[in-house]
Amino acid sequence: MERASSLQNPGREKSASGWLNGFIGVLIFSGSLPATRLAVLEFDPVFLTVARASIAGLLALCMLWLFRESARRGINWCP
């Protein structure tokens, strides 16, 4: 019976997945401030800023490669 209800409302499953992914993102982000406060005690703040941005960029590139996203066309770069 559950299969039939998901066929009637296919957006509900995607919505639940979106909420779960959003919650996981908020949970991970909530740990970044305490971690940064601890890291600043040992490392230079500029180094931490550059390192965090670099790690985020590399993770984003890995995700783009993993999901095989194509490059945007020139017209799509500006809103």
Foldseek 3Di string as FASTA:
>chain_A
DVVVVCVVPVVVVVVVVVVVVVVVVVVVVVVPVVVLVVVVVPDPPVVVVVVVVVVVVVVVVVVCVVVVPDDDDPVPPPD
